[in-house]
């Protein structure tokens, strides 16, 4: 008899950002019951859970708005205790601004935060000591808008996807230097394994509905050894978030649209979670989710997937063993952008 995907999850929690909430909400992973929320400065974006310090980190990227369409960049990271659901500290990265992506190296107690560039410096990655919660330095990525950042399993190499810039930045984290630029037609989310980086491309803002030579949508597979694209996993639509589970499933959030007589780009429609096997590089499933999937994560055992959709402000819970939807969480919002960052918080030891 197949075990319930909820079995053994008592005391475990899913944390969810609402950009215009502006909040981080907490849900029981076994029952989906909402446990409470923490109000934080607008507008929060991504989340990262540090199991060593047992703290959540949250980036606050803009006062309001989006990449290239905002009312000003912010400079803060909010540190939250997920057990008491209280703010521990607000870390100000100024003069760095526009913090977005978060990647954690638990062994070295380092948190890497992608930040946007300014007139006097390119975008980069700020390195933070997770014990003192203070910045240690920064690594340039040579692009104006590094957005997502991910580490290889050794913690020695990092990859930044850079929106409209025509390359993925590869950095040596031990030396703190940029070592390679991998050519792509712009890029969105990414996930990294020991041998490969999986990069969503092209950049959403680069597509034209009338262009005949638009690049193929999908996931570029980058060989870590050669720092070059060796394969493309095709998708029907543009992909924003990408996530790799502990069982080797590659999860991609596809943007949906439908015809609109007023706009050549169409109007928003439900997106999809597309699932690939990294062993075969074949698609193994595809499920409809909410409008504008922006973040994807999974439970530590790889059984459950969570897809946060910003426009519908929903989180979709999916059983990756049966590839069936289990639940939809409605995330409160006060403005247009809703659900974004996600973090799974295991029960205390």
C-alpha atoms as a PDB file:
ATOM      1  CA  UNK A   1       0.000   0.000   0.000  1.00  0.00           C
ATOM      2  CA  UNK A   2       1.366   3.388  -1.009  1.00  0.00           C
ATOM      3  CA  UNK A   3       2.234   5.631   1.926  1.00  0.00           C
ATOM      4  CA  UNK A   4       0.401   8.938   2.181  1.00  0.00           C
ATOM      5  CA  UNK A   5       2.556  11.854   0.995  1.00  0.00           C
ATOM      6  CA  UNK A   6       1.592  13.652   4.217  1.00  0.00           C
ATOM      7  CA  UNK A   7       2.730  10.850   6.540  1.00  0.00           C
ATOM      8  CA  UNK A   8       5.364  11.834   9.087  1.00  0.00           C
ATOM      9  CA  UNK A   9       5.141  15.570   8.394  1.00  0.00           C
ATOM     10  CA  UNK A  10       3.662  16.567  11.739  1.00  0.00           C
ATOM     11  CA  UNK A  11       5.529  19.571  13.111  1.00  0.00           C
ATOM     12  CA  UNK A  12       6.987  20.505   9.717  1.00  0.00           C
ATOM     13  CA  UNK A  13       6.131  23.860   8.182  1.00  0.00           C
ATOM     14  CA  UNK A  14       5.946  25.582   4.802  1.00  0.00           C
ATOM     15  CA  UNK A  15       6.853  29.290   4.806  1.00  0.00           C
ATOM     16  CA  UNK A  16       5.409  31.452   2.006  1.00  0.00           C
ATOM     17  CA  UNK A  17       6.120  35.064   1.007  1.00  0.00           C
ATOM     18  CA  UNK A  18       3.345  37.402  -0.086  1.00  0.00           C
ATOM     19  CA  UNK A  19       5.008  40.299  -1.904  1.00  0.00           C
ATOM     20  CA  UNK A  20       2.200  42.777  -1.312  1.00  0.00           C
ATOM     21  CA  UNK A  21       1.084  41.180   1.958  1.00  0.00           C
ATOM     22  CA  UNK A  22       3.772  42.046   2.822  1.00  0.00           C
ATOM     23  CA  UNK A  23       4.132  38.909   4.903  1.00  0.00           C
ATOM     24  CA  UNK A  24       5.703  35.531   5.446  1.00  0.00           C
ATOM     25  CA  UNK A  25       2.927  33.031   6.233  1.00  0.00           C
ATOM     26  CA  UNK A  26       3.411  29.640   7.871  1.00  0.00           C
ATOM     27  CA  UNK A  27       1.439  26.473   7.057  1.00  0.00           C
ATOM     28  CA  UNK A  28       1.391  23.047   8.696  1.00  0.00           C
ATOM     29  CA  UNK A  29       2.993  20.692   6.137  1.00  0.00           C
ATOM     30  CA  UNK A  30       0.804  17.771   7.244  1.00  0.00           C
ATOM     31  CA  UNK A  31      -2.583  19.499   7.166  1.00  0.00           C
ATOM     32  CA  UNK A  32      -2.055  22.788   5.236  1.00  0.00           C
ATOM     33  CA  UNK A  33      -3.520  24.658   8.215  1.00  0.00           C
ATOM     34  CA  UNK A  34      -2.349  28.279   8.383  1.00  0.00           C
ATOM     35  CA  UNK A  35      -0.396  28.758  11.602  1.00  0.00           C
ATOM     36  CA  UNK A  36       0.241  32.490  11.443  1.00  0.00           C
ATOM     37  CA  UNK A  37       2.229  35.167   9.659  1.00  0.00           C
ATOM     38  CA  UNK A  38       4.970  37.729  10.155  1.00  0.00           C
ATOM     39  CA  UNK A  39       4.604  41.203   8.662  1.00  0.00           C
ATOM     40  CA  UNK A  40       7.788  42.540   7.085  1.00  0.00           C
ATOM     41  CA  UNK A  41       8.891  45.527   5.008  1.00  0.00           C
ATOM     42  CA  UNK A  42       7.504  45.653   1.463  1.00  0.00           C
ATOM     43  CA  UNK A  43       8.168  43.974  -0.819  1.00  0.00           C
ATOM     44  CA  UNK A  44       9.687  40.636   0.172  1.00  0.00           C
ATOM     45  CA  UNK A  45      10.758  38.196  -2.529  1.00  0.00           C
ATOM     46  CA  UNK A  46      12.750  35.038  -1.751  1.00  0.00           C
ATOM     47  CA  UNK A  47      13.212  32.804   1.308  1.00  0.00           C
ATOM     48  CA  UNK A  48      16.005  30.511   2.484  1.00  0.00           C
ATOM     49  CA  UNK A  49      15.997  28.293   5.591  1.00  0.00           C
ATOM     50  CA  UNK A  50      19.267  27.800   7.480  1.00  0.00           C
ATOM     51  CA  UNK A  51      18.950  24.494   9.402  1.00  0.00           C
ATOM     52  CA  UNK A  52      22.160  25.101  11.379  1.00  0.00           C
ATOM     53  CA  UNK A  53      21.030  28.381  12.927  1.00  0.00           C
ATOM     54  CA  UNK A  54      17.363  27.428  12.479  1.00  0.00           C
ATOM     55  CA  UNK A  55      16.514  30.777  10.928  1.00  0.00           C
ATOM     56  CA  UNK A  56      14.736  31.979   7.806  1.00  0.00           C
ATOM     57  CA  UNK A  57      16.319  34.627   5.591  1.00  0.00           C
ATOM     58  CA  UNK A  58      14.073  36.797   3.415  1.00  0.00           C
ATOM     59  CA  UNK A  59      15.150  39.279   0.742  1.00  0.00           C
ATOM     60  CA  UNK A  60      13.301  42.581   0.329  1.00  0.00           C
ATOM     61  CA  UNK A  61      14.062  43.630  -3.225  1.00  0.00           C
ATOM     62  CA  UNK A  62      11.961  46.694  -4.143  1.00  0.00           C
ATOM     63  CA  UNK A  63       9.706  49.142  -2.304  1.00  0.00           C
ATOM     64  CA  UNK A  64       7.076  48.009  -4.805  1.00  0.00           C
ATOM     65  CA  UNK A  65       6.975  46.759  -8.360  1.00  0.00           C
ATOM     66  CA  UNK A  66       9.165  44.486 -10.419  1.00  0.00           C
ATOM     67  CA  UNK A  67      12.509  44.175 -12.148  1.00  0.00           C
ATOM     68  CA  UNK A  68      12.923  47.287 -14.383  1.00  0.00           C
ATOM     69  CA  UNK A  69       9.490  48.556 -13.200  1.00  0.00           C
ATOM     70  CA  UNK A  70       9.747  49.439  -9.528  1.00  0.00           C
ATOM     71  CA  UNK A  71       9.551  52.409  -7.153  1.00  0.00           C
ATOM     72  CA  UNK A  72      13.092  51.924  -5.900  1.00  0.00           C
ATOM     73  CA  UNK A  73      15.406  49.174  -4.750  1.00  0.00           C
ATOM     74  CA  UNK A  74      15.617  48.165  -1.115  1.00  0.00           C
ATOM     75  CA  UNK A  75      18.675  46.986   0.794  1.00  0.00           C
ATOM     76  CA  UNK A  76      17.374  44.724   3.560  1.00  0.00           C
ATOM     77  CA  UNK A  77      17.362  41.081   4.524  1.00  0.00           C
ATOM     78  CA  UNK A  78      14.930  40.038   7.248  1.00  0.00           C
ATOM     79  CA  UNK A  79      15.941  37.215   9.595  1.00  0.00           C
ATOM     80  CA  UNK A  80      12.983  35.303  11.060  1.00  0.00           C
ATOM     81  CA  UNK A  81      12.682  32.623  13.746  1.00  0.00           C
ATOM     82  CA  UNK A  82      10.232  30.152  12.139  1.00  0.00           C
ATOM     83  CA  UNK A  83       9.380  28.480  15.454  1.00  0.00           C
ATOM     84  CA  UNK A  84       8.302  31.627  17.311  1.00  0.00           C
ATOM     85  CA  UNK A  85       7.362  33.396  14.057  1.00  0.00           C
ATOM     86  CA  UNK A  86       9.171  36.554  15.084  1.00  0.00           C
ATOM     87  CA  UNK A  87      11.721  38.824  13.405  1.00  0.00           C
ATOM     88  CA  UNK A  88      15.196  38.310  14.873  1.00  0.00           C
ATOM     89  CA  UNK A  89      17.036  41.022  12.953  1.00  0.00           C
ATOM     90  CA  UNK A  90      16.923  43.180   9.847  1.00  0.00           C
ATOM     91  CA  UNK A  91      20.300  43.184   8.097  1.00  0.00           C
ATOM     92  CA  UNK A  92      20.960  46.263   5.948  1.00  0.00           C
ATOM     93  CA  UNK A  93      23.271  45.596   2.986  1.00  0.00           C
ATOM     94  CA  UNK A  94      23.566  49.259   1.905  1.00  0.00           C
ATOM     95  CA  UNK A  95      25.109  50.460  -0.341  1.00  0.00           C
ATOM     96  CA  UNK A  96      24.269  47.132  -2.004  1.00  0.00           C
ATOM     97  CA  UNK A  97      20.681  47.071  -3.225  1.00  0.00           C
ATOM     98  CA  UNK A  98      18.040  44.955  -4.927  1.00  0.00           C
ATOM     99  CA  UNK A  99      18.818  41.713  -3.050  1.00  0.00           C
ATOM    100  CA  UNK A 100      17.014  38.782  -4.605  1.00  0.00           C
ATOM    101  CA  UNK A 101      18.429  35.259  -4.817  1.00  0.00           C
ATOM    102  CA  UNK A 102      19.628  33.309  -1.781  1.00  0.00           C
ATOM    103  CA  UNK A 103      21.958  30.300  -1.661  1.00  0.00           C
ATOM    104  CA  UNK A 104      23.225  28.648   1.514  1.00  0.00           C
ATOM    105  CA  UNK A 105      26.461  26.773   2.245  1.00  0.00           C
ATOM    106  CA  UNK A 106      25.779  25.147   5.617  1.00  0.00           C
ATOM    107  CA  UNK A 107      29.248  23.576   5.893  1.00  0.00           C
ATOM    108  CA  UNK A 108      31.059  26.924   5.645  1.00  0.00           C
ATOM    109  CA  UNK A 109      28.244  28.908   7.290  1.00  0.00           C
ATOM    110  CA  UNK A 110      27.958  31.236   4.325  1.00  0.00           C
ATOM    111  CA  UNK A 111      24.881  32.789   2.743  1.00  0.00           C
ATOM    112  CA  UNK A 112      25.173  34.162  -0.797  1.00  0.00           C
ATOM    113  CA  UNK A 113      22.791  36.963  -1.829  1.00  0.00           C
ATOM    114  CA  UNK A 114      22.521  38.236  -5.401  1.00  0.00           C
ATOM    115  CA  UNK A 115      22.285  42.043  -5.664  1.00  0.00           C
ATOM    116  CA  UNK A 116      21.655  44.391  -8.573  1.00  0.00           C
ATOM    117  CA  UNK A 117      24.288  46.719  -9.956  1.00  0.00           C
ATOM    118  CA  UNK A 118      24.449  50.514  -9.879  1.00  0.00           C
ATOM    119  CA  UNK A 119      26.218  53.310 -11.744  1.00  0.00           C
ATOM    120  CA  UNK A 120      29.561  52.577 -10.070  1.00  0.00           C
ATOM    121  CA  UNK A 121      29.572  48.778  -9.814  1.00  0.00           C
ATOM    122  CA  UNK A 122      28.162  45.726 -11.593  1.00  0.00           C
ATOM    123  CA  UNK A 123      25.709  43.352 -10.036  1.00  0.00           C
ATOM    124  CA  UNK A 124      27.157  40.711  -7.801  1.00  0.00           C
ATOM    125  CA  UNK A 125      26.799  38.363  -4.886  1.00  0.00           C
ATOM    126  CA  UNK A 126      27.174  39.472  -1.265  1.00  0.00           C
ATOM    127  CA  UNK A 127      28.694  36.878   1.080  1.00  0.00           C
ATOM    128  CA  UNK A 128      27.260  36.761   4.614  1.00  0.00           C
ATOM    129  CA  UNK A 129      28.501  34.941   7.718  1.00  0.00           C
ATOM    130  CA  UNK A 130      25.409  33.113   9.000  1.00  0.00           C
ATOM    131  CA  UNK A 131      26.689  33.059  12.602  1.00  0.00           C
ATOM    132  CA  UNK A 132      27.363  36.796  12.942  1.00  0.00           C
ATOM    133  CA  UNK A 133      24.822  37.728  10.242  1.00  0.00           C
ATOM    134  CA  UNK A 134      27.289  40.259   8.840  1.00  0.00           C
ATOM    135  CA  UNK A 135      28.574  40.715   5.263  1.00  0.00           C
ATOM    136  CA  UNK A 136      32.069  39.412   4.544  1.00  0.00           C
ATOM    137  CA  UNK A 137      32.465  40.748   1.007  1.00  0.00           C
ATOM    138  CA  UNK A 138      31.082  40.597  -2.502  1.00  0.00           C
ATOM    139  CA  UNK A 139      31.813  38.807  -5.778  1.00  0.00           C
ATOM    140  CA  UNK A 140      31.167  40.640  -9.059  1.00  0.00           C
ATOM    141  CA  UNK A 141      29.108  38.801 -11.680  1.00  0.00           C
ATOM    142  CA  UNK A 142      29.711  41.404 -14.418  1.00  0.00           C
ATOM    143  CA  UNK A 143      25.981  41.763 -15.168  1.00  0.00           C
ATOM    144  CA  UNK A 144      23.581  44.526 -14.101  1.00  0.00           C
ATOM    145  CA  UNK A 145      20.834  42.287 -12.772  1.00  0.00           C
ATOM    146  CA  UNK A 146      21.884  38.951 -11.265  1.00  0.00           C
ATOM    147  CA  UNK A 147      18.622  37.514 -10.042  1.00  0.00           C
ATOM    148  CA  UNK A 148      18.883  33.879  -9.026  1.00  0.00           C
ATOM    149  CA  UNK A 149      21.989  32.282  -7.536  1.00  0.00           C
ATOM    150  CA  UNK A 150      22.788  28.631  -6.809  1.00  0.00           C
ATOM    151  CA  UNK A 151      25.751  26.596  -5.557  1.00  0.00           C
ATOM    152  CA  UNK A 152      27.150  23.264  -6.620  1.00  0.00           C
ATOM    153  CA  UNK A 153      27.086  20.545  -3.910  1.00  0.00           C
ATOM    154  CA  UNK A 154      30.726  21.209  -2.947  1.00  0.00           C
ATOM    155  CA  UNK A 155      30.052  24.870  -2.193  1.00  0.00           C
ATOM    156  CA  UNK A 156      33.040  25.877  -4.315  1.00  0.00           C
ATOM    157  CA  UNK A 157      31.259  27.060  -7.473  1.00  0.00           C
ATOM    158  CA  UNK A 158      28.293  29.388  -7.839  1.00  0.00           C
ATOM    159  CA  UNK A 159      26.096  30.256 -10.811  1.00  0.00           C
ATOM    160  CA  UNK A 160      24.155  33.501 -11.305  1.00  0.00           C
ATOM    161  CA  UNK A 161      21.394  33.928 -13.869  1.00  0.00           C
ATOM    162  CA  UNK A 162      21.283  37.481 -15.106  1.00  0.00           C
ATOM    163  CA  UNK A 163      17.904  38.216 -16.728  1.00  0.00           C
ATOM    164  CA  UNK A 164      18.589  40.066 -20.026  1.00  0.00           C
ATOM    165  CA  UNK A 165      22.391  39.643 -19.973  1.00  0.00           C
ATOM    166  CA  UNK A 166      23.382  37.045 -22.606  1.00  0.00           C
ATOM    167  CA  UNK A 167      25.318  34.848 -20.205  1.00  0.00           C
ATOM    168  CA  UNK A 168      25.238  32.915 -16.955  1.00  0.00           C
ATOM    169  CA  UNK A 169      28.005  33.984 -14.557  1.00  0.00           C
ATOM    170  CA  UNK A 170      30.152  31.234 -13.032  1.00  0.00           C
ATOM    171  CA  UNK A 171      32.097  32.206  -9.911  1.00  0.00           C
ATOM    172  CA  UNK A 172      34.812  30.546  -7.848  1.00  0.00           C
ATOM    173  CA  UNK A 173      33.555  30.961  -4.296  1.00  0.00           C
ATOM    174  CA  UNK A 174      36.872  30.093  -2.646  1.00  0.00           C
ATOM    175  CA  UNK A 175      38.784  32.750  -4.596  1.00  0.00           C
ATOM    176  CA  UNK A 176      35.833  35.140  -4.863  1.00  0.00           C
ATOM    177  CA  UNK A 177      36.202  35.728  -8.609  1.00  0.00           C
ATOM    178  CA  UNK A 178      34.222  35.369 -11.820  1.00  0.00           C
ATOM    179  CA  UNK A 179      35.683  32.464 -13.806  1.00  0.00           C
ATOM    180  CA  UNK A 180      33.387  31.982 -16.815  1.00  0.00           C
ATOM    181  CA  UNK A 181      30.437  33.320 -18.771  1.00  0.00           C
ATOM    182  CA  UNK A 182      28.171  30.726 -20.375  1.00  0.00           C
ATOM    183  CA  UNK A 183      26.321  32.045 -23.413  1.00  0.00           C
ATOM    184  CA  UNK A 184      22.506  31.910 -23.162  1.00  0.00           C
ATOM    185  CA  UNK A 185      19.650  33.993 -24.670  1.00  0.00           C
ATOM    186  CA  UNK A 186      19.017  35.660 -21.324  1.00  0.00           C
ATOM    187  CA  UNK A 187      18.061  33.590 -18.299  1.00  0.00           C
ATOM    188  CA  UNK A 188      15.627  33.179 -15.420  1.00  0.00           C
ATOM    189  CA  UNK A 189      15.740  30.529 -12.664  1.00  0.00           C
ATOM    190  CA  UNK A 190      18.307  27.780 -12.210  1.00  0.00           C
ATOM    191  CA  UNK A 191      19.168  24.650 -10.262  1.00  0.00           C
ATOM    192  CA  UNK A 192      22.593  23.033  -9.889  1.00  0.00           C
ATOM    193  CA  UNK A 193      23.811  19.450  -9.426  1.00  0.00           C
ATOM    194  CA  UNK A 194      27.350  18.100  -9.171  1.00  0.00           C
ATOM    195  CA  UNK A 195      27.718  17.788 -12.936  1.00  0.00           C
ATOM    196  CA  UNK A 196      25.284  20.298 -14.427  1.00  0.00           C
ATOM    197  CA  UNK A 197      23.513  23.620 -14.063  1.00  0.00           C
ATOM    198  CA  UNK A 198      19.940  23.697 -15.346  1.00  0.00           C
ATOM    199  CA  UNK A 199      19.016  27.192 -16.527  1.00  0.00           C
ATOM    200  CA  UNK A 200      15.630  28.535 -17.625  1.00  0.00           C
ATOM    201  CA  UNK A 201      16.034  30.466 -20.875  1.00  0.00           C
ATOM    202  CA  UNK A 202      15.307  32.734 -22.616  1.00  0.00           C
ATOM    203  CA  UNK A 203      14.671  35.779 -20.425  1.00  0.00           C
ATOM    204  CA  UNK A 204      10.924  36.435 -20.294  1.00  0.00           C
ATOM    205  CA  UNK A 205      11.275  40.130 -21.166  1.00  0.00           C
ATOM    206  CA  UNK A 206      13.240  39.426 -24.347  1.00  0.00           C
ATOM    207  CA  UNK A 207      10.497  37.608 -26.239  1.00  0.00           C
ATOM    208  CA  UNK A 208       8.591  39.293 -29.047  1.00  0.00           C
ATOM    209  CA  UNK A 209       5.355  37.736 -30.327  1.00  0.00           C
ATOM    210  CA  UNK A 210       6.203  38.764 -33.896  1.00  0.00           C
ATOM    211  CA  UNK A 211       9.798  37.530 -33.962  1.00  0.00           C
ATOM    212  CA  UNK A 212      10.425  34.564 -36.247  1.00  0.00           C
ATOM    213  CA  UNK A 213      13.828  33.792 -34.787  1.00  0.00           C
ATOM    214  CA  UNK A 214      12.935  33.736 -31.092  1.00  0.00           C
ATOM    215  CA  UNK A 215      15.113  31.295 -29.139  1.00  0.00           C
ATOM    216  CA  UNK A 216      13.594  27.970 -28.153  1.00  0.00           C
ATOM    217  CA  UNK A 217      11.949  27.965 -24.743  1.00  0.00           C
ATOM    218  CA  UNK A 218      13.150  25.433 -22.219  1.00  0.00           C
ATOM    219  CA  UNK A 219      15.979  24.599 -19.878  1.00  0.00           C
ATOM    220  CA  UNK A 220      19.603  24.912 -20.974  1.00  0.00           C
ATOM    221  CA  UNK A 221      21.804  22.158 -19.552  1.00  0.00           C
ATOM    222  CA  UNK A 222      25.271  23.490 -18.724  1.00  0.00           C
ATOM    223  CA  UNK A 223      28.161  21.063 -18.309  1.00  0.00           C
ATOM    224  CA  UNK A 224      29.951  22.102 -15.128  1.00  0.00           C
ATOM    225  CA  UNK A 225      33.319  20.840 -16.355  1.00  0.00           C
ATOM    226  CA  UNK A 226      33.362  22.762 -19.651  1.00  0.00           C
ATOM    227  CA  UNK A 227      31.052  25.655 -18.643  1.00  0.00           C
ATOM    228  CA  UNK A 228      29.091  25.270 -21.879  1.00  0.00           C
ATOM    229  CA  UNK A 229      25.524  24.443 -22.914  1.00  0.00           C
ATOM    230  CA  UNK A 230      25.298  20.815 -24.015  1.00  0.00           C
ATOM    231  CA  UNK A 231      21.539  20.218 -24.242  1.00  0.00           C
ATOM    232  CA  UNK A 232      18.112  21.886 -24.142  1.00  0.00           C
ATOM    233  CA  UNK A 233      15.113  20.376 -22.372  1.00  0.00           C
ATOM    234  CA  UNK A 234      12.185  21.765 -24.404  1.00  0.00           C
ATOM    235  CA  UNK A 235       9.069  23.351 -22.905  1.00  0.00           C
ATOM    236  CA  UNK A 236       5.928  24.735 -24.503  1.00  0.00           C
ATOM    237  CA  UNK A 237       6.266  28.124 -22.813  1.00  0.00           C
ATOM    238  CA  UNK A 238       8.800  30.333 -21.059  1.00  0.00           C
ATOM    239  CA  UNK A 239      10.075  28.935 -17.759  1.00  0.00           C
ATOM    240  CA  UNK A 240      10.771  31.140 -14.728  1.00  0.00           C
ATOM    241  CA  UNK A 241      11.546  28.978 -11.650  1.00  0.00           C
ATOM    242  CA  UNK A 242      13.640  25.800 -11.764  1.00  0.00           C
ATOM    243  CA  UNK A 243      14.192  23.407  -8.860  1.00  0.00           C
ATOM    244  CA  UNK A 244      16.057  20.125  -8.377  1.00  0.00           C
ATOM    245  CA  UNK A 245      14.636  17.660  -5.839  1.00  0.00           C
ATOM    246  CA  UNK A 246      16.652  15.321  -3.625  1.00  0.00           C
ATOM    247  CA  UNK A 247      15.484  12.418  -5.817  1.00  0.00           C
ATOM    248  CA  UNK A 248      16.782  13.916  -9.067  1.00  0.00           C
ATOM    249  CA  UNK A 249      13.544  15.326 -10.456  1.00  0.00           C
ATOM    250  CA  UNK A 250      13.875  18.661 -12.247  1.00  0.00           C
ATOM    251  CA  UNK A 251      10.875  20.937 -11.716  1.00  0.00           C
ATOM    252  CA  UNK A 252      10.121  23.858 -14.042  1.00  0.00           C
ATOM    253  CA  UNK A 253       7.383  26.489 -13.717  1.00  0.00           C
ATOM    254  CA  UNK A 254       6.003  27.467 -17.143  1.00  0.00           C
ATOM    255  CA  UNK A 255       4.194  30.769 -17.696  1.00  0.00           C
ATOM    256  CA  UNK A 256       0.756  30.478 -19.326  1.00  0.00           C
ATOM    257  CA  UNK A 257      -1.066  32.864 -21.676  1.00  0.00           C
ATOM    258  CA  UNK A 258      -4.178  32.891 -23.824  1.00  0.00           C
ATOM    259  CA  UNK A 259      -5.152  34.968 -26.876  1.00  0.00           C
ATOM    260  CA  UNK A 260      -6.156  38.558 -26.250  1.00  0.00           C
ATOM    261  CA  UNK A 261      -7.346  40.890 -29.042  1.00  0.00           C
ATOM    262  CA  UNK A 262      -5.854  43.864 -27.192  1.00  0.00           C
ATOM    263  CA  UNK A 263      -2.355  42.503 -26.506  1.00  0.00           C
ATOM    264  CA  UNK A 264      -0.060  40.593 -28.881  1.00  0.00           C
ATOM    265  CA  UNK A 265       1.409  38.854 -25.818  1.00  0.00           C
ATOM    266  CA  UNK A 266      -1.995  37.501 -24.784  1.00  0.00           C
ATOM    267  CA  UNK A 267      -3.435  37.663 -21.288  1.00  0.00           C
ATOM    268  CA  UNK A 268      -2.372  35.675 -18.240  1.00  0.00           C
ATOM    269  CA  UNK A 269      -3.580  32.099 -17.975  1.00  0.00           C
ATOM    270  CA  UNK A 270      -2.820  29.218 -15.630  1.00  0.00           C
ATOM    271  CA  UNK A 271       0.761  28.032 -15.829  1.00  0.00           C
ATOM    272  CA  UNK A 272       2.178  24.533 -15.545  1.00  0.00           C
ATOM    273  CA  UNK A 273       4.638  22.588 -13.451  1.00  0.00           C
ATOM    274  CA  UNK A 274       6.699  20.509 -15.857  1.00  0.00           C
ATOM    275  CA  UNK A 275       8.676  17.605 -14.406  1.00  0.00           C
ATOM    276  CA  UNK A 276      11.805  16.107 -15.980  1.00  0.00           C
ATOM    277  CA  UNK A 277      13.991  13.171 -15.012  1.00  0.00           C
ATOM    278  CA  UNK A 278      17.629  14.263 -14.831  1.00  0.00           C
ATOM    279  CA  UNK A 279      18.682  10.674 -15.596  1.00  0.00           C
ATOM    280  CA  UNK A 280      16.863  10.433 -18.935  1.00  0.00           C
ATOM    281  CA  UNK A 281      16.339  14.184 -19.537  1.00  0.00           C
ATOM    282  CA  UNK A 282      12.797  13.296 -20.580  1.00  0.00           C
ATOM    283  CA  UNK A 283       9.603  14.946 -19.440  1.00  0.00           C
ATOM    284  CA  UNK A 284       7.741  12.691 -17.008  1.00  0.00           C
ATOM    285  CA  UNK A 285       4.757  14.873 -16.184  1.00  0.00           C
ATOM    286  CA  UNK A 286       3.005  18.221 -16.532  1.00  0.00           C
ATOM    287  CA  UNK A 287       0.317  19.692 -14.289  1.00  0.00           C
ATOM    288  CA  UNK A 288      -1.711  22.898 -14.410  1.00  0.00           C
ATOM    289  CA  UNK A 289      -1.033  25.361 -11.581  1.00  0.00           C
ATOM    290  CA  UNK A 290      -1.945  29.002 -10.902  1.00  0.00           C
ATOM    291  CA  UNK A 291      -1.165  32.171 -12.816  1.00  0.00           C
ATOM    292  CA  UNK A 292       2.499  33.186 -13.120  1.00  0.00           C
ATOM    293  CA  UNK A 293       4.484  30.484 -11.288  1.00  0.00           C
ATOM    294  CA  UNK A 294       7.451  32.285  -9.761  1.00  0.00           C
ATOM    295  CA  UNK A 295       8.994  29.949  -7.172  1.00  0.00           C
ATOM    296  CA  UNK A 296       9.205  26.160  -6.868  1.00  0.00           C
ATOM    297  CA  UNK A 297      10.548  24.095  -3.987  1.00  0.00           C
ATOM    298  CA  UNK A 298      10.144  20.580  -2.597  1.00  0.00           C
ATOM    299  CA  UNK A 299      10.103  18.693   0.680  1.00  0.00           C
ATOM    300  CA  UNK A 300      13.511  17.324   1.777  1.00  0.00           C
ATOM    301  CA  UNK A 301      12.475  13.765   0.837  1.00  0.00           C
ATOM    302  CA  UNK A 302      11.491  14.888  -2.673  1.00  0.00           C
ATOM    303  CA  UNK A 303       7.915  13.608  -2.353  1.00  0.00           C
ATOM    304  CA  UNK A 304       6.060  16.933  -2.374  1.00  0.00           C
ATOM    305  CA  UNK A 305       6.458  19.897  -4.716  1.00  0.00           C
ATOM    306  CA  UNK A 306       5.269  23.409  -3.914  1.00  0.00           C
ATOM    307  CA  UNK A 307       4.618  25.978  -6.660  1.00  0.00           C
ATOM    308  CA  UNK A 308       4.059  29.645  -5.732  1.00  0.00           C
ATOM    309  CA  UNK A 309       2.118  31.624  -8.344  1.00  0.00           C
ATOM    310  CA  UNK A 310       2.394  35.399  -8.001  1.00  0.00           C
ATOM    311  CA  UNK A 311      -0.627  36.689  -9.927  1.00  0.00           C
ATOM    312  CA  UNK A 312      -3.188  34.188  -8.595  1.00  0.00           C
ATOM    313  CA  UNK A 313      -1.374  34.345  -5.210  1.00  0.00           C
ATOM    314  CA  UNK A 314      -1.681  30.610  -4.728  1.00  0.00           C
ATOM    315  CA  UNK A 315       0.647  27.805  -3.698  1.00  0.00           C
ATOM    316  CA  UNK A 316      -0.007  24.424  -5.286  1.00  0.00           C
ATOM    317  CA  UNK A 317       0.958  21.261  -3.399  1.00  0.00           C
ATOM    318  CA  UNK A 318       1.795  18.326  -5.685  1.00  0.00           C
ATOM    319  CA  UNK A 319       2.576  14.665  -5.000  1.00  0.00           C
ATOM    320  CA  UNK A 320       5.610  13.962  -7.185  1.00  0.00           C
ATOM    321  CA  UNK A 321       5.155  10.190  -6.881  1.00  0.00           C
ATOM    322  CA  UNK A 322       1.701  10.200  -8.464  1.00  0.00           C
ATOM    323  CA  UNK A 323       2.059  13.578 -10.228  1.00  0.00           C
ATOM    324  CA  UNK A 324      -1.276  14.693  -8.811  1.00  0.00           C
ATOM    325  CA  UNK A 325      -2.276  17.935  -7.137  1.00  0.00           C
ATOM    326  CA  UNK A 326      -3.076  17.632  -3.434  1.00  0.00           C
ATOM    327  CA  UNK A 327      -4.061  21.136  -2.354  1.00  0.00           C
ATOM    328  CA  UNK A 328      -4.106  24.829  -3.166  1.00  0.00           C
ATOM    329  CA  UNK A 329      -3.141  27.400  -0.552  1.00  0.00           C
ATOM    330  CA  UNK A 330      -4.570  30.904  -1.029  1.00  0.00           C
ATOM    331  CA  UNK A 331      -2.057  33.533   0.087  1.00  0.00           C
ATOM    332  CA  UNK A 332      -3.450  36.924   1.204  1.00  0.00           C
ATOM    333  CA  UNK A 333      -2.212  39.971  -0.692  1.00  0.00           C
ATOM    334  CA  UNK A 334      -2.930  43.696  -0.672  1.00  0.00           C
ATOM    335  CA  UNK A 335      -1.803  44.571  -4.206  1.00  0.00           C
ATOM    336  CA  UNK A 336      -1.082  42.900  -7.528  1.00  0.00           C
ATOM    337  CA  UNK A 337       1.903  40.659  -6.678  1.00  0.00           C
ATOM    338  CA  UNK A 338       1.215  37.801  -4.297  1.00  0.00           C
ATOM    339  CA  UNK A 339       2.871  34.473  -3.488  1.00  0.00           C
ATOM    340  CA  UNK A 340       6.599  34.275  -4.204  1.00  0.00           C
ATOM    341  CA  UNK A 341       9.353  32.856  -1.980  1.00  0.00           C
ATOM    342  CA  UNK A 342       9.027  29.405  -0.397  1.00  0.00           C
ATOM    343  CA  UNK A 343      10.929  27.481   2.263  1.00  0.00           C
ATOM    344  CA  UNK A 344      10.264  24.078   3.823  1.00  0.00           C
ATOM    345  CA  UNK A 345      11.090  24.041   7.537  1.00  0.00           C
ATOM    346  CA  UNK A 346      11.622  20.560   9.078  1.00  0.00           C
ATOM    347  CA  UNK A 347      10.527  19.988  12.673  1.00  0.00           C
ATOM    348  CA  UNK A 348      13.070  20.852  15.385  1.00  0.00           C
ATOM    349  CA  UNK A 349      15.413  17.995  16.285  1.00  0.00           C
END
